[in-house]
Amino acid sequence: MSKNRIAGITSNTVPWEILRAAGYTPVLLEDEAGPTPHADRWMEDVFDRRFRVIFDRLCAGAWNHLDRVVIPRTSEQEHKLYLYLREIARTQPAGAIPELYFYNLLHTRTPESYDYGLERTRQMMRDFDVSEDELRDAIAESNRARGCVRDILQKRREGRLEGSAAIEMIRGFYSEDRGVFANRVLDRLKNMQEPVAAHRPHILIKGAPVKDASLHHLVEEAGGYVVAEDDWRGSRAAGDTDVCVNKDPVTAIVEKYFYDEVSPRVHPVEHRDAWFKREIARGHVDGVLFYVPLEDDVQGWDYPEQLAYLESRSIPSVVVRDNDAPLADFVGSLRRE
């Protein structure tokens, strides 16, 4: 099977394994510097910067190295991004932007949504002409990489890896072949033995996904230690489980992506915050940093209830809007027992 085609994906809720089995290298589409004239013309200001960049670069032909772009329906902005791109593609010559594919997975935790997601995933298998044997090989590769993400997180829990280094290493899980990623991580981790955390206060980052390690660096410069992120680009990249290898592979993929992948549309809220509350209950977090950028229109709705939970547990917190909160004062007020 050829693996030299590139599929751009917009989030973690696209089944990496199906694209890999179809011969693609799936790559997460990231933010990048520069103006966005096409987005400025066609998109409302409420769109996050990353989605504006994706729209702009695809419309401008700057990302024509992509053979396909796969967008899931697991956030409102991604759904609208797909619709906007479809309209642009309709008005442009064939091939002006890469071929688009919509993965319609809903994250409302109901039997009807599960059945619908299973049907859509089987259709995706047919659309990409993937065999079960190819899919099982891709599942094995992806599961091995998930194990390496957990190794990164374990090294950090042991106080042997800075939070900024952890988040930068995990980026490869979404940006390169997962077999290559796994080999590179194993080589790097085996030589990490010296502690780096000492008695620095442990910080959990919650809120909007972080795009890089800049927030982690600010915490570290203030004397803190980022021990976890409630974030699909951080602590939750691998999830709690692998794709099960002892059942029908399509069913196993649906169960992984439906039940165990982070999505803004997970309902009810008890499921959405279960991981966060479990981490706080473990007793290893000294303070929580809520990252709620100015353009956010999702995380802020959940903040009051999450704050009330932390206050009931006597866990201090601070809100960061654009990396300008008094982090030094906050971190300096925390003490490790």
C-alpha atoms as a PDB file:
ATOM      1  CA  MET A   1       0.000   0.000   0.000  1.00  0.00           C
ATOM      2  CA  SER A   2       1.367   3.411  -0.960  1.00  0.00           C
ATOM      3  CA  LYS A   3       1.792   5.843   1.927  1.00  0.00           C
ATOM      4  CA  ASN A   4       2.971   8.963   0.130  1.00  0.00           C
ATOM      5  CA  ARG A   5      -0.363  10.800   0.011  1.00  0.00           C
ATOM      6  CA  ILE A   6      -1.147  13.432   2.639  1.00  0.00           C
ATOM      7  CA  ALA A   7      -4.549  13.943   4.249  1.00  0.00           C
ATOM      8  CA  GLY A   8      -5.038  17.114   6.235  1.00  0.00           C
ATOM      9  CA  ILE A   9      -7.258  16.670   9.290  1.00  0.00           C
ATOM     10  CA  THR A  10      -8.732  19.381  11.485  1.00  0.00           C
ATOM     11  CA  SER A  11      -8.934  17.574  14.833  1.00  0.00           C
ATOM     12  CA  ASN A  12      -8.377  14.382  16.799  1.00  0.00           C
ATOM     13  CA  THR A  13     -11.886  13.088  16.048  1.00  0.00           C
ATOM     14  CA  VAL A  14     -10.992  11.985  12.510  1.00  0.00           C
ATOM     15  CA  PRO A  15     -10.212   8.222  12.453  1.00  0.00           C
ATOM     16  CA  TRP A  16      -6.457   8.281  11.828  1.00  0.00           C
ATOM     17  CA  GLU A  17      -6.441   4.528  11.304  1.00  0.00           C
ATOM     18  CA  ILE A  18      -8.824   4.549   8.317  1.00  0.00           C
ATOM     19  CA  LEU A  19      -6.815   7.225   6.522  1.00  0.00           C
ATOM     20  CA  ARG A  20      -3.563   5.420   7.246  1.00  0.00           C
ATOM     21  CA  ALA A  21      -4.993   2.135   5.978  1.00  0.00           C
ATOM     22  CA  ALA A  22      -6.051   3.928   2.794  1.00  0.00           C
ATOM     23  CA  GLY A  23      -2.443   4.952   2.143  1.00  0.00           C
ATOM     24  CA  TYR A  24      -2.485   8.475   3.526  1.00  0.00           C
ATOM     25  CA  THR A  25      -0.227  10.167   6.029  1.00  0.00           C
ATOM     26  CA  PRO A  26      -2.731  12.091   8.172  1.00  0.00           C
ATOM     27  CA  VAL A  27      -1.422  15.486   9.331  1.00  0.00           C
ATOM     28  CA  LEU A  28      -3.138  17.900  11.707  1.00  0.00           C
ATOM     29  CA  LEU A  29      -3.668  21.283  10.052  1.00  0.00           C
ATOM     30  CA  GLU A  30      -2.134  23.923  12.310  1.00  0.00           C
ATOM     31  CA  ASP A  31      -2.156  27.671  12.742  1.00  0.00           C
ATOM     32  CA  GLU A  32       0.632  29.650  11.088  1.00  0.00           C
ATOM     33  CA  ALA A  33       1.710  33.271  10.964  1.00  0.00           C
ATOM     34  CA  GLY A  34       0.576  35.676   8.301  1.00  0.00           C
ATOM     35  CA  PRO A  35      -2.515  37.509   7.075  1.00  0.00           C
ATOM     36  CA  THR A  36      -5.744  35.719   6.130  1.00  0.00           C
ATOM     37  CA  PRO A  37      -7.322  37.824   3.351  1.00  0.00           C
ATOM     38  CA  HIS A  38      -9.662  35.067   2.105  1.00  0.00           C
ATOM     39  CA  ALA A  39     -10.957  34.403   5.615  1.00  0.00           C
ATOM     40  CA  ASP A  40     -11.290  38.133   6.254  1.00  0.00           C
ATOM     41  CA  ARG A  41     -13.520  38.379   3.194  1.00  0.00           C
ATOM     42  CA  TRP A  42     -15.719  35.321   3.679  1.00  0.00           C
ATOM     43  CA  MET A  43     -15.700  34.292   7.359  1.00  0.00           C
ATOM     44  CA  GLU A  44     -17.185  35.871  10.470  1.00  0.00           C
ATOM     45  CA  ASP A  45     -14.873  37.020  13.250  1.00  0.00           C
ATOM     46  CA  VAL A  46     -16.142  34.303  15.608  1.00  0.00           C
ATOM     47  CA  PHE A  47     -14.027  31.659  13.884  1.00  0.00           C
ATOM     48  CA  ASP A  48     -10.876  30.669  15.777  1.00  0.00           C
ATOM     49  CA  ARG A  49      -7.597  31.774  14.266  1.00  0.00           C
ATOM     50  CA  ARG A  50      -6.628  28.198  13.322  1.00  0.00           C
ATOM     51  CA  PHE A  51      -9.789  27.617  11.299  1.00  0.00           C
ATOM     52  CA  ARG A  52      -9.392  30.988   9.611  1.00  0.00           C
ATOM     53  CA  VAL A  53      -5.877  30.015   8.579  1.00  0.00           C
ATOM     54  CA  ILE A  54      -7.040  26.622   7.282  1.00  0.00           C
ATOM     55  CA  PHE A  55      -9.761  28.250   5.208  1.00  0.00           C
ATOM     56  CA  ASP A  56      -7.451  30.953   3.920  1.00  0.00           C
ATOM     57  CA  ARG A  57      -4.560  28.692   2.929  1.00  0.00           C
ATOM     58  CA  LEU A  58      -6.829  26.225   1.155  1.00  0.00           C
ATOM     59  CA  CYS A  59      -8.589  28.997  -0.757  1.00  0.00           C
ATOM     60  CA  ALA A  60      -5.248  30.584  -1.680  1.00  0.00           C
ATOM     61  CA  GLY A  61      -3.824  27.312  -3.000  1.00  0.00           C
ATOM     62  CA  ALA A  62      -0.994  27.461  -0.454  1.00  0.00           C
ATOM     63  CA  TRP A  63      -1.675  23.942   0.810  1.00  0.00           C
ATOM     64  CA  ASN A  64      -2.079  22.133  -2.490  1.00  0.00           C
ATOM     65  CA  HIS A  65       0.380  19.495  -1.290  1.00  0.00           C
ATOM     66  CA  LEU A  66      -2.611  17.988   0.521  1.00  0.00           C
ATOM     67  CA  ASP A  67      -4.396  15.252  -1.395  1.00  0.00           C
ATOM     68  CA  ARG A  68      -7.477  15.397   0.834  1.00  0.00           C
ATOM     69  CA  VAL A  69      -8.862  17.373   3.729  1.00  0.00           C
ATOM     70  CA  VAL A  70     -11.002  15.456   6.214  1.00  0.00           C
ATOM     71  CA  ILE A  71     -13.221  17.444   8.564  1.00  0.00           C
ATOM     72  CA  PRO A  72     -15.374  15.955  11.350  1.00  0.00           C
ATOM     73  CA  ARG A  73     -18.637  17.281  12.734  1.00  0.00           C
ATOM     74  CA  THR A  74     -17.429  17.263  16.315  1.00  0.00           C
ATOM     75  CA  SER A  75     -17.326  21.042  16.728  1.00  0.00           C
ATOM     76  CA  GLU A  76     -19.572  23.762  15.362  1.00  0.00           C
ATOM     77  CA  GLN A  77     -16.678  25.630  13.789  1.00  0.00           C
ATOM     78  CA  GLU A  78     -15.438  22.553  11.935  1.00  0.00           C
ATOM     79  CA  HIS A  79     -18.909  21.883  10.576  1.00  0.00           C
ATOM     80  CA  LYS A  80     -19.158  25.461   9.309  1.00  0.00           C
ATOM     81  CA  LEU A  81     -15.619  25.314   7.932  1.00  0.00           C
ATOM     82  CA  TYR A  82     -16.620  22.332   5.814  1.00  0.00           C
ATOM     83  CA  LEU A  83     -19.712  24.105   4.505  1.00  0.00           C
ATOM     84  CA  TYR A  84     -17.761  27.255   3.661  1.00  0.00           C
ATOM     85  CA  LEU A  85     -15.076  25.261   1.847  1.00  0.00           C
ATOM     86  CA  ARG A  86     -17.727  23.325  -0.087  1.00  0.00           C
ATOM     87  CA  GLU A  87     -19.164  26.598  -1.321  1.00  0.00           C
ATOM     88  CA  ILE A  88     -15.736  27.891  -2.347  1.00  0.00           C
ATOM     89  CA  ALA A  89     -15.012  24.609  -4.132  1.00  0.00           C
ATOM     90  CA  ARG A  90     -18.352  24.869  -5.964  1.00  0.00           C
ATOM     91  CA  THR A  91     -17.422  28.241  -7.409  1.00  0.00           C
ATOM     92  CA  GLN A  92     -13.822  27.404  -8.329  1.00  0.00           C
ATOM     93  CA  PRO A  93     -12.331  25.252 -11.124  1.00  0.00           C
ATOM     94  CA  ALA A  94     -11.973  21.553 -10.295  1.00  0.00           C
ATOM     95  CA  GLY A  95      -8.852  20.904  -8.234  1.00  0.00           C
ATOM     96  CA  ALA A  96      -8.528  24.476  -7.006  1.00  0.00           C
ATOM     97  CA  ILE A  97      -8.647  23.169  -3.438  1.00  0.00           C
ATOM     98  CA  PRO A  98      -7.964  19.612  -2.221  1.00  0.00           C
ATOM     99  CA  GLU A  99     -10.791  17.103  -2.198  1.00  0.00           C
ATOM    100  CA  LEU A 100     -12.962  17.491   0.904  1.00  0.00           C
ATOM    101  CA  TYR A 101     -14.406  14.696   3.025  1.00  0.00           C
ATOM    102  CA  PHE A 102     -16.897  15.107   5.876  1.00  0.00           C
ATOM    103  CA  TYR A 103     -16.872  12.625   8.781  1.00  0.00           C
ATOM    104  CA  ASN A 104     -20.261  13.010  10.425  1.00  0.00           C
ATOM    105  CA  LEU A 105     -19.661  11.705  13.938  1.00  0.00           C
ATOM    106  CA  LEU A 106     -21.895  13.107  16.675  1.00  0.00           C
ATOM    107  CA  HIS A 107     -20.743  13.127  20.298  1.00  0.00           C
ATOM    108  CA  THR A 108     -24.091  13.230  22.051  1.00  0.00           C
ATOM    109  CA  ARG A 109     -23.895  10.077  24.134  1.00  0.00           C
ATOM    110  CA  THR A 110     -27.091   8.385  22.967  1.00  0.00           C
ATOM    111  CA  PRO A 111     -27.676   4.982  21.349  1.00  0.00           C
ATOM    112  CA  GLU A 112     -28.999   6.763  18.254  1.00  0.00           C
ATOM    113  CA  SER A 113     -25.789   8.793  17.881  1.00  0.00           C
ATOM    114  CA  TYR A 114     -23.678   5.670  18.345  1.00  0.00           C
ATOM    115  CA  ASP A 115     -25.604   3.754  15.672  1.00  0.00           C
ATOM    116  CA  TYR A 116     -25.377   6.698  13.301  1.00  0.00           C
ATOM    117  CA  GLY A 117     -21.635   7.021  13.915  1.00  0.00           C
ATOM    118  CA  LEU A 118     -21.114   3.333  13.230  1.00  0.00           C
ATOM    119  CA  GLU A 119     -23.006   3.640   9.946  1.00  0.00           C
ATOM    120  CA  ARG A 120     -20.974   6.725   8.908  1.00  0.00           C
ATOM    121  CA  THR A 121     -17.703   4.994   9.792  1.00  0.00           C
ATOM    122  CA  ARG A 122     -18.563   1.928   7.729  1.00  0.00           C
ATOM    123  CA  GLN A 123     -19.360   4.296   4.873  1.00  0.00           C
ATOM    124  CA  MET A 124     -15.974   5.951   5.326  1.00  0.00           C
ATOM    125  CA  MET A 125     -14.329   2.518   5.027  1.00  0.00           C
ATOM    126  CA  ARG A 126     -16.131   1.997   1.724  1.00  0.00           C
ATOM    127  CA  ASP A 127     -15.385   5.499   0.469  1.00  0.00           C
ATOM    128  CA  PHE A 128     -11.662   5.059   1.111  1.00  0.00           C
ATOM    129  CA  ASP A 129     -11.649   1.451  -0.138  1.00  0.00           C
ATOM    130  CA  VAL A 130      -9.980   0.051   2.979  1.00  0.00           C
ATOM    131  CA  SER A 131      -9.724  -3.662   3.781  1.00  0.00           C
ATOM    132  CA  GLU A 132      -9.967  -5.055   7.314  1.00  0.00           C
ATOM    133  CA  ASP A 133      -6.384  -6.374   7.157  1.00  0.00           C
ATOM    134  CA  GLU A 134      -5.065  -2.916   6.229  1.00  0.00           C
ATOM    135  CA  LEU A 135      -7.139  -1.409   8.989  1.00  0.00           C
ATOM    136  CA  ARG A 136      -5.810  -3.850  11.588  1.00  0.00           C
ATOM    137  CA  ASP A 137      -2.224  -2.945  10.612  1.00  0.00           C
ATOM    138  CA  ALA A 138      -2.989   0.757  11.000  1.00  0.00           C
ATOM    139  CA  ILE A 139      -4.647   0.129  14.371  1.00  0.00           C
ATOM    140  CA  ALA A 140      -1.509  -1.651  15.603  1.00  0.00           C
ATOM    141  CA  GLU A 141       0.683   1.272  14.483  1.00  0.00           C
ATOM    142  CA  SER A 142      -1.589   3.832  16.091  1.00  0.00           C
ATOM    143  CA  ASN A 143      -1.960   1.909  19.354  1.00  0.00           C
ATOM    144  CA  ARG A 144       1.826   1.651  19.667  1.00  0.00           C
ATOM    145  CA  ALA A 145       2.070   5.423  19.283  1.00  0.00           C
ATOM    146  CA  ARG A 146      -0.622   5.895  21.935  1.00  0.00           C
ATOM    147  CA  GLY A 147       1.486   3.805  24.274  1.00  0.00           C
ATOM    148  CA  CYS A 148       4.381   6.178  23.660  1.00  0.00           C
ATOM    149  CA  VAL A 149       2.196   9.186  24.458  1.00  0.00           C
ATOM    150  CA  ARG A 150       1.361   7.515  27.769  1.00  0.00           C
ATOM    151  CA  ASP A 151       5.087   6.937  28.352  1.00  0.00           C
ATOM    152  CA  ILE A 152       5.629  10.692  27.910  1.00  0.00           C
ATOM    153  CA  LEU A 153       2.855  11.432  30.399  1.00  0.00           C
ATOM    154  CA  GLN A 154       4.206   8.903  32.878  1.00  0.00           C
ATOM    155  CA  LYS A 155       7.680  10.440  32.712  1.00  0.00           C
ATOM    156  CA  ARG A 156       6.098  13.825  33.444  1.00  0.00           C
ATOM    157  CA  ARG A 157       4.067  12.435  36.358  1.00  0.00           C
ATOM    158  CA  GLU A 158       7.347  11.155  37.794  1.00  0.00           C
ATOM    159  CA  GLY A 159       8.755  14.690  37.613  1.00  0.00           C
ATOM    160  CA  ARG A 160      11.349  13.796  34.965  1.00  0.00           C
ATOM    161  CA  LEU A 161      10.018  15.791  32.000  1.00  0.00           C
ATOM    162  CA  GLU A 162       8.984  19.441  31.798  1.00  0.00           C
ATOM    163  CA  GLY A 163       5.419  20.114  30.722  1.00  0.00           C
ATOM    164  CA  SER A 164       6.655  22.199  27.792  1.00  0.00           C
ATOM    165  CA  ALA A 165       8.857  19.346  26.578  1.00  0.00           C
ATOM    166  CA  ALA A 166       5.972  16.895  26.942  1.00  0.00           C
ATOM    167  CA  ILE A 167       3.546  18.988  24.881  1.00  0.00           C
ATOM    168  CA  GLU A 168       6.157  19.522  22.168  1.00  0.00           C
ATOM    169  CA  MET A 169       6.886  15.801  21.958  1.00  0.00           C
ATOM    170  CA  ILE A 170       3.201  14.895  21.779  1.00  0.00           C
ATOM    171  CA  ARG A 171       2.748  17.189  18.750  1.00  0.00           C
ATOM    172  CA  GLY A 172       4.400  14.478  16.657  1.00  0.00           C
ATOM    173  CA  PHE A 173       1.469  12.164  17.406  1.00  0.00           C
ATOM    174  CA  TYR A 174      -0.605  14.357  15.081  1.00  0.00           C
ATOM    175  CA  SER A 175       2.028  15.552  12.618  1.00  0.00           C
ATOM    176  CA  GLU A 176       4.033  12.517  11.480  1.00  0.00           C
ATOM    177  CA  ASP A 177       3.843   8.802  10.808  1.00  0.00           C
ATOM    178  CA  ARG A 178       2.978   7.265  14.135  1.00  0.00           C
ATOM    179  CA  GLY A 179       5.539   4.526  13.651  1.00  0.00           C
ATOM    180  CA  VAL A 180       8.264   7.157  13.244  1.00  0.00           C
ATOM    181  CA  PHE A 181       6.862   9.093  16.184  1.00  0.00           C
ATOM    182  CA  ALA A 182       6.931   6.018  18.437  1.00  0.00           C
ATOM    183  CA  ASN A 183      10.547   5.178  17.598  1.00  0.00           C
ATOM    184  CA  ARG A 184      11.685   8.748  18.184  1.00  0.00           C
ATOM    185  CA  VAL A 185       9.891   9.013  21.531  1.00  0.00           C
ATOM    186  CA  LEU A 186      11.280   5.731  22.826  1.00  0.00           C
ATOM    187  CA  ASP A 187      14.832   6.762  21.940  1.00  0.00           C
ATOM    188  CA  ARG A 188      14.443  10.099  23.682  1.00  0.00           C
ATOM    189  CA  LEU A 189      12.739   8.881  26.838  1.00  0.00           C
ATOM    190  CA  LYS A 190      15.156   6.085  27.661  1.00  0.00           C
ATOM    191  CA  ASN A 191      17.861   8.623  28.554  1.00  0.00           C
ATOM    192  CA  MET A 192      15.678  10.769  30.818  1.00  0.00           C
ATOM    193  CA  GLN A 193      16.378   9.866  34.412  1.00  0.00           C
ATOM    194  CA  GLU A 194      17.179  13.092  36.273  1.00  0.00           C
ATOM    195  CA  PRO A 195      14.269  14.784  38.104  1.00  0.00           C
ATOM    196  CA  VAL A 196      13.234  18.252  36.913  1.00  0.00           C
ATOM    197  CA  ALA A 197      10.162  19.026  39.038  1.00  0.00           C
ATOM    198  CA  ALA A 198      11.484  18.943  42.608  1.00  0.00           C
ATOM    199  CA  HIS A 199       8.920  20.686  44.853  1.00  0.00           C
ATOM    200  CA  ARG A 200       7.504  23.097  42.262  1.00  0.00           C
ATOM    201  CA  PRO A 201       3.709  23.539  42.421  1.00  0.00           C
ATOM    202  CA  HIS A 202       1.787  21.278  40.031  1.00  0.00           C
ATOM    203  CA  ILE A 203      -0.460  23.081  37.539  1.00  0.00           C
ATOM    204  CA  LEU A 204      -3.267  21.604  35.416  1.00  0.00           C
ATOM    205  CA  ILE A 205      -4.241  23.566  32.291  1.00  0.00           C
ATOM    206  CA  LYS A 206      -7.908  23.486  31.320  1.00  0.00           C
ATOM    207  CA  GLY A 207      -9.983  25.333  28.743  1.00  0.00           C
ATOM    208  CA  ALA A 208      -9.365  25.830  25.036  1.00  0.00           C
ATOM    209  CA  PRO A 209      -6.738  23.593  23.372  1.00  0.00           C
ATOM    210  CA  VAL A 210      -3.250  25.098  23.501  1.00  0.00           C
ATOM    211  CA  LYS A 211      -1.585  25.544  20.110  1.00  0.00           C
ATOM    212  CA  ASP A 212       2.008  25.349  21.373  1.00  0.00           C
ATOM    213  CA  ALA A 213       4.115  25.310  24.539  1.00  0.00           C
ATOM    214  CA  SER A 214       4.179  29.078  25.142  1.00  0.00           C
ATOM    215  CA  LEU A 215       1.764  28.905  28.080  1.00  0.00           C
ATOM    216  CA  HIS A 216       3.761  26.045  29.594  1.00  0.00           C
ATOM    217  CA  HIS A 217       6.939  28.104  29.330  1.00  0.00           C
ATOM    218  CA  LEU A 218       5.286  30.999  31.173  1.00  0.00           C
ATOM    219  CA  VAL A 219       4.272  28.675  34.006  1.00  0.00           C
ATOM    220  CA  GLU A 220       7.769  27.217  34.169  1.00  0.00           C
ATOM    221  CA  GLU A 221       9.401  30.661  34.177  1.00  0.00           C
ATOM    222  CA  ALA A 222       7.182  31.517  37.146  1.00  0.00           C
ATOM    223  CA  GLY A 223       8.409  28.428  39.005  1.00  0.00           C
ATOM    224  CA  GLY A 224       5.503  26.070  38.297  1.00  0.00           C
ATOM    225  CA  TYR A 225       5.329  22.596  36.803  1.00  0.00           C
ATOM    226  CA  VAL A 226       2.590  21.752  34.289  1.00  0.00           C
ATOM    227  CA  VAL A 227       1.628  18.241  35.272  1.00  0.00           C
ATOM    228  CA  ALA A 228      -1.393  17.811  32.960  1.00  0.00           C
ATOM    229  CA  GLU A 229      -3.673  19.414  30.349  1.00  0.00           C
ATOM    230  CA  ASP A 230      -7.345  18.635  29.843  1.00  0.00           C
ATOM    231  CA  ASP A 231      -6.577  18.853  26.149  1.00  0.00           C
ATOM    232  CA  TRP A 232      -6.541  16.526  23.148  1.00  0.00           C
ATOM    233  CA  ARG A 233      -3.123  17.940  22.242  1.00  0.00           C
ATOM    234  CA  GLY A 234      -1.786  17.187  25.709  1.00  0.00           C
ATOM    235  CA  SER A 235      -2.647  14.707  28.452  1.00  0.00           C
ATOM    236  CA  ARG A 236      -5.688  13.392  26.581  1.00  0.00           C
ATOM    237  CA  ALA A 237      -4.031  12.771  23.210  1.00  0.00           C
ATOM    238  CA  ALA A 238      -3.895   9.006  23.680  1.00  0.00           C
ATOM    239  CA  GLY A 239      -7.139   8.747  25.628  1.00  0.00           C
ATOM    240  CA  ASP A 240      -7.783   6.194  28.317  1.00  0.00           C
ATOM    241  CA  THR A 241      -7.922   3.204  25.973  1.00  0.00           C
ATOM    242  CA  ASP A 242      -6.464   1.862  22.739  1.00  0.00           C
ATOM    243  CA  VAL A 243      -8.510   0.767  19.758  1.00  0.00           C
ATOM    244  CA  CYS A 244      -9.574  -2.753  20.762  1.00  0.00           C
ATOM    245  CA  VAL A 245      -7.876  -5.446  18.643  1.00  0.00           C
ATOM    246  CA  ASN A 246     -10.187  -8.289  19.698  1.00  0.00           C
ATOM    247  CA  LYS A 247     -13.348  -7.248  17.862  1.00  0.00           C
ATOM    248  CA  ASP A 248     -14.561  -6.022  14.500  1.00  0.00           C
ATOM    249  CA  PRO A 249     -12.080  -3.208  13.703  1.00  0.00           C
ATOM    250  CA  VAL A 250     -14.703  -0.703  12.521  1.00  0.00           C
ATOM    251  CA  THR A 251     -16.752  -1.171  15.675  1.00  0.00           C
ATOM    252  CA  ALA A 252     -13.568  -0.826  17.716  1.00  0.00           C
ATOM    253  CA  ILE A 253     -12.695   2.467  15.997  1.00  0.00           C
ATOM    254  CA  VAL A 254     -16.173   3.878  16.552  1.00  0.00           C
ATOM    255  CA  GLU A 255     -16.073   2.976  20.227  1.00  0.00           C
ATOM    256  CA  LYS A 256     -12.683   4.643  20.596  1.00  0.00           C
ATOM    257  CA  TYR A 257     -13.595   7.856  18.780  1.00  0.00           C
ATOM    258  CA  PHE A 258     -17.142   8.051  20.143  1.00  0.00           C
ATOM    259  CA  TYR A 259     -16.441   7.286  23.806  1.00  0.00           C
ATOM    260  CA  ASP A 260     -12.794   8.180  24.397  1.00  0.00           C
ATOM    261  CA  GLU A 261     -11.777  11.121  22.182  1.00  0.00           C
ATOM    262  CA  VAL A 262     -12.071  14.700  23.413  1.00  0.00           C
ATOM    263  CA  SER A 263     -14.683  16.770  21.616  1.00  0.00           C
ATOM    264  CA  PRO A 264     -16.429  20.077  22.402  1.00  0.00           C
ATOM    265  CA  ARG A 265     -19.737  18.405  21.601  1.00  0.00           C
ATOM    266  CA  VAL A 266     -19.628  15.651  24.225  1.00  0.00           C
ATOM    267  CA  HIS A 267     -22.970  15.615  26.017  1.00  0.00           C
ATOM    268  CA  PRO A 268     -24.088  15.405  28.774  1.00  0.00           C
ATOM    269  CA  VAL A 269     -21.692  17.667  30.678  1.00  0.00           C
ATOM    270  CA  GLU A 270     -20.973  14.939  33.248  1.00  0.00           C
ATOM    271  CA  HIS A 271     -19.131  12.995  30.550  1.00  0.00           C
ATOM    272  CA  ARG A 272     -17.332  16.095  29.322  1.00  0.00           C
ATOM    273  CA  ASP A 273     -15.861  16.905  32.751  1.00  0.00           C
ATOM    274  CA  ALA A 274     -15.273  13.373  34.031  1.00  0.00           C
ATOM    275  CA  TRP A 275     -11.546  13.366  33.214  1.00  0.00           C
ATOM    276  CA  PHE A 276     -11.011  16.776  34.816  1.00  0.00           C
ATOM    277  CA  LYS A 277     -12.710  15.812  38.049  1.00  0.00           C
ATOM    278  CA  ARG A 278     -10.847  12.512  38.159  1.00  0.00           C
ATOM    279  CA  GLU A 279      -7.500  14.326  37.862  1.00  0.00           C
ATOM    280  CA  ILE A 280      -8.391  16.765  40.636  1.00  0.00           C
ATOM    281  CA  ALA A 281      -9.559  13.899  42.853  1.00  0.00           C
ATOM    282  CA  ARG A 282      -6.157  12.224  42.526  1.00  0.00           C
ATOM    283  CA  GLY A 283      -4.744  14.979  44.717  1.00  0.00           C
ATOM    284  CA  HIS A 284      -1.658  15.821  42.641  1.00  0.00           C
ATOM    285  CA  VAL A 285      -2.827  19.224  41.346  1.00  0.00           C
ATOM    286  CA  ASP A 286      -2.005  22.358  43.359  1.00  0.00           C
ATOM    287  CA  GLY A 287      -3.653  24.873  41.032  1.00  0.00           C
ATOM    288  CA  VAL A 288      -5.635  25.101  37.788  1.00  0.00           C
ATOM    289  CA  LEU A 289      -4.958  27.499  34.943  1.00  0.00           C
ATOM    290  CA  PHE A 290      -8.049  28.132  32.814  1.00  0.00           C
ATOM    291  CA  TYR A 291      -7.001  29.083  29.274  1.00  0.00           C
ATOM    292  CA  VAL A 292      -9.941  31.009  27.765  1.00  0.00           C
ATOM    293  CA  PRO A 293      -8.703  33.124  24.825  1.00  0.00           C
ATOM    294  CA  LEU A 294     -10.629  36.222  23.831  1.00  0.00           C
ATOM    295  CA  GLU A 295     -12.150  34.607  20.733  1.00  0.00           C
ATOM    296  CA  ASP A 296     -13.466  31.611  22.720  1.00  0.00           C
ATOM    297  CA  ASP A 297     -17.200  30.921  22.455  1.00  0.00           C
ATOM    298  CA  VAL A 298     -17.266  27.419  23.975  1.00  0.00           C
ATOM    299  CA  GLN A 299     -15.127  27.007  27.099  1.00  0.00           C
ATOM    300  CA  GLY A 300     -16.426  30.067  28.881  1.00  0.00           C
ATOM    301  CA  TRP A 301     -19.887  28.531  29.244  1.00  0.00           C
ATOM    302  CA  ASP A 302     -18.492  25.673  31.354  1.00  0.00           C
ATOM    303  CA  TYR A 303     -16.170  27.791  33.477  1.00  0.00           C
ATOM    304  CA  PRO A 304     -18.599  28.784  36.315  1.00  0.00           C
ATOM    305  CA  GLU A 305     -19.492  25.176  37.127  1.00  0.00           C
ATOM    306  CA  GLN A 306     -15.865  24.066  36.910  1.00  0.00           C
ATOM    307  CA  LEU A 307     -14.786  26.920  39.159  1.00  0.00           C
ATOM    308  CA  ALA A 308     -17.430  25.978  41.720  1.00  0.00           C
ATOM    309  CA  TYR A 309     -16.128  22.407  41.712  1.00  0.00           C
ATOM    310  CA  LEU A 310     -12.565  23.582  42.356  1.00  0.00           C
ATOM    311  CA  GLU A 311     -13.695  25.864  45.156  1.00  0.00           C
ATOM    312  CA  SER A 312     -15.510  22.946  46.779  1.00  0.00           C
ATOM    313  CA  ARG A 313     -12.155  21.104  46.757  1.00  0.00           C
ATOM    314  CA  SER A 314     -10.165  24.184  47.885  1.00  0.00           C
ATOM    315  CA  ILE A 315      -8.102  24.172  44.665  1.00  0.00           C
ATOM    316  CA  PRO A 316      -7.011  27.697  43.594  1.00  0.00           C
ATOM    317  CA  SER A 317      -7.276  28.751  39.958  1.00  0.00           C
ATOM    318  CA  VAL A 318      -6.584  31.616  37.574  1.00  0.00           C
ATOM    319  CA  VAL A 319      -7.993  32.586  34.159  1.00  0.00           C
ATOM    320  CA  VAL A 320      -5.612  33.368  31.294  1.00  0.00           C
ATOM    321  CA  ARG A 321      -7.099  35.182  28.318  1.00  0.00           C
ATOM    322  CA  ASP A 322      -4.114  35.944  26.092  1.00  0.00           C
ATOM    323  CA  ASN A 323      -1.127  34.864  28.155  1.00  0.00           C
ATOM    324  CA  ASP A 324      -1.318  38.104  30.144  1.00  0.00           C
ATOM    325  CA  ALA A 325      -2.581  36.911  33.524  1.00  0.00           C
ATOM    326  CA  PRO A 326      -0.400  37.509  36.607  1.00  0.00           C
ATOM    327  CA  LEU A 327       1.004  33.993  36.441  1.00  0.00           C
ATOM    328  CA  ALA A 328       4.022  34.720  38.609  1.00  0.00           C
ATOM    329  CA  ASP A 329       1.780  35.889  41.458  1.00  0.00           C
ATOM    330  CA  PHE A 330      -0.537  32.922  41.053  1.00  0.00           C
ATOM    331  CA  VAL A 331       2.212  30.309  40.908  1.00  0.00           C
ATOM    332  CA  GLY A 332       4.072  32.032  43.750  1.00  0.00           C
ATOM    333  CA  SER A 333       0.989  31.720  45.953  1.00  0.00           C
ATOM    334  CA  LEU A 334       0.930  27.936  45.577  1.00  0.00           C
ATOM    335  CA  ARG A 335       2.793  25.531  47.833  1.00  0.00           C
ATOM    336  CA  ARG A 336       3.544  21.851  47.515  1.00  0.00           C
ATOM    337  CA  GLU A 337       2.821  19.792  50.632  1.00  0.00           C
END
